[in-house]
Amino acid sequence: MHLHTYRDENRSRHFDLIGGRRHPWSIDLVVAIASGILLMGFACAFAALLIR
């Protein structure tokens, strides 16, 4: 897995995580971070529900 950076036609910088040898895949780094934050928020809310 490695980090790939590039600029699009609007000169915006993009960061992608790229991995896989037999079945290549890539994911936008912003999407990966946002998903992690949402998942952590859901886990904390669920834990708070169980504790209460």
C-alpha atoms as a PDB file:
ATOM      1  CA  MET A   1       0.000   0.000   0.000  1.00  0.00           C
ATOM      2  CA  HIS A   2       1.384   3.416  -0.878  1.00  0.00           C
ATOM      3  CA  LEU A   3       0.315   7.060  -1.060  1.00  0.00           C
ATOM      4  CA  HIS A   4      -0.182   8.595  -4.508  1.00  0.00           C
ATOM      5  CA  THR A   5      -0.552  12.359  -5.018  1.00  0.00           C
ATOM      6  CA  TYR A   6      -1.605  14.156  -8.164  1.00  0.00           C
ATOM      7  CA  ARG A   7      -3.233  17.369  -9.392  1.00  0.00           C
ATOM      8  CA  ASP A   8      -6.374  17.399 -11.520  1.00  0.00           C
ATOM      9  CA  GLU A   9      -7.263  19.781 -14.345  1.00  0.00           C
ATOM     10  CA  ASN A  10      -8.345  22.441 -11.804  1.00  0.00           C
ATOM     11  CA  ARG A  11      -4.922  22.241 -10.129  1.00  0.00           C
ATOM     12  CA  SER A  12      -6.439  20.671  -6.982  1.00  0.00           C
ATOM     13  CA  ARG A  13      -4.191  18.231  -5.143  1.00  0.00           C
ATOM     14  CA  HIS A  14      -5.519  14.729  -4.447  1.00  0.00           C
ATOM     15  CA  PHE A  15      -4.176  12.032  -2.128  1.00  0.00           C
ATOM     16  CA  ASP A  16      -4.996   8.384  -2.825  1.00  0.00           C
ATOM     17  CA  LEU A  17      -4.065   5.179  -1.028  1.00  0.00           C
ATOM     18  CA  ILE A  18      -3.230   2.511  -3.591  1.00  0.00           C
ATOM     19  CA  GLY A  19      -2.682  -1.179  -2.910  1.00  0.00           C
ATOM     20  CA  GLY A  20      -3.115  -4.714  -4.131  1.00  0.00           C
ATOM     21  CA  ARG A  21      -1.098  -6.702  -6.605  1.00  0.00           C
ATOM     22  CA  ARG A  22      -3.549  -9.214  -8.095  1.00  0.00           C
ATOM     23  CA  HIS A  23      -6.580  -6.985  -7.598  1.00  0.00           C
ATOM     24  CA  PRO A  24      -5.461  -3.337  -7.541  1.00  0.00           C
ATOM     25  CA  TRP A  25      -7.561  -0.897  -5.544  1.00  0.00           C
ATOM     26  CA  SER A  26      -7.418   2.765  -4.546  1.00  0.00           C
ATOM     27  CA  ILE A  27      -9.308   5.004  -2.140  1.00  0.00           C
ATOM     28  CA  ASP A  28      -9.274   8.757  -1.657  1.00  0.00           C
ATOM     29  CA  LEU A  29      -7.511   9.623   1.599  1.00  0.00           C
ATOM     30  CA  VAL A  30     -10.185  12.187   2.554  1.00  0.00           C
ATOM     31  CA  VAL A  31     -12.911   9.539   2.224  1.00  0.00           C
ATOM     32  CA  ALA A  32     -10.891   7.098   4.349  1.00  0.00           C
ATOM     33  CA  ILE A  33     -10.388   9.667   7.140  1.00  0.00           C
ATOM     34  CA  ALA A  34     -14.042  10.787   7.084  1.00  0.00           C
ATOM     35  CA  SER A  35     -15.211   7.168   7.266  1.00  0.00           C
ATOM     36  CA  GLY A  36     -12.912   6.525  10.219  1.00  0.00           C
ATOM     37  CA  ILE A  37     -14.221   9.572  12.075  1.00  0.00           C
ATOM     38  CA  LEU A  38     -17.846   8.569  11.464  1.00  0.00           C
ATOM     39  CA  LEU A  39     -17.156   5.006  12.572  1.00  0.00           C
ATOM     40  CA  MET A  40     -15.449   6.227  15.756  1.00  0.00           C
ATOM     41  CA  GLY A  41     -18.403   8.529  16.503  1.00  0.00           C
ATOM     42  CA  PHE A  42     -20.852   5.667  16.027  1.00  0.00           C
ATOM     43  CA  ALA A  43     -18.791   3.435  18.341  1.00  0.00           C
ATOM     44  CA  CYS A  44     -18.672   6.127  21.040  1.00  0.00           C
ATOM     45  CA  ALA A  45     -22.414   6.759  20.785  1.00  0.00           C
ATOM     46  CA  PHE A  46     -23.119   3.032  21.027  1.00  0.00           C
ATOM     47  CA  ALA A  47     -20.811   2.693  24.049  1.00  0.00           C
ATOM     48  CA  ALA A  48     -22.538   5.654  25.724  1.00  0.00           C
ATOM     49  CA  LEU A  49     -25.910   4.023  25.066  1.00  0.00           C
ATOM     50  CA  LEU A  50     -24.752   0.761  26.653  1.00  0.00           C
ATOM     51  CA  ILE A  51     -23.216   2.495  29.686  1.00  0.00           C
ATOM     52  CA  ARG A  52     -26.306   4.583  30.332  1.00  0.00           C
END
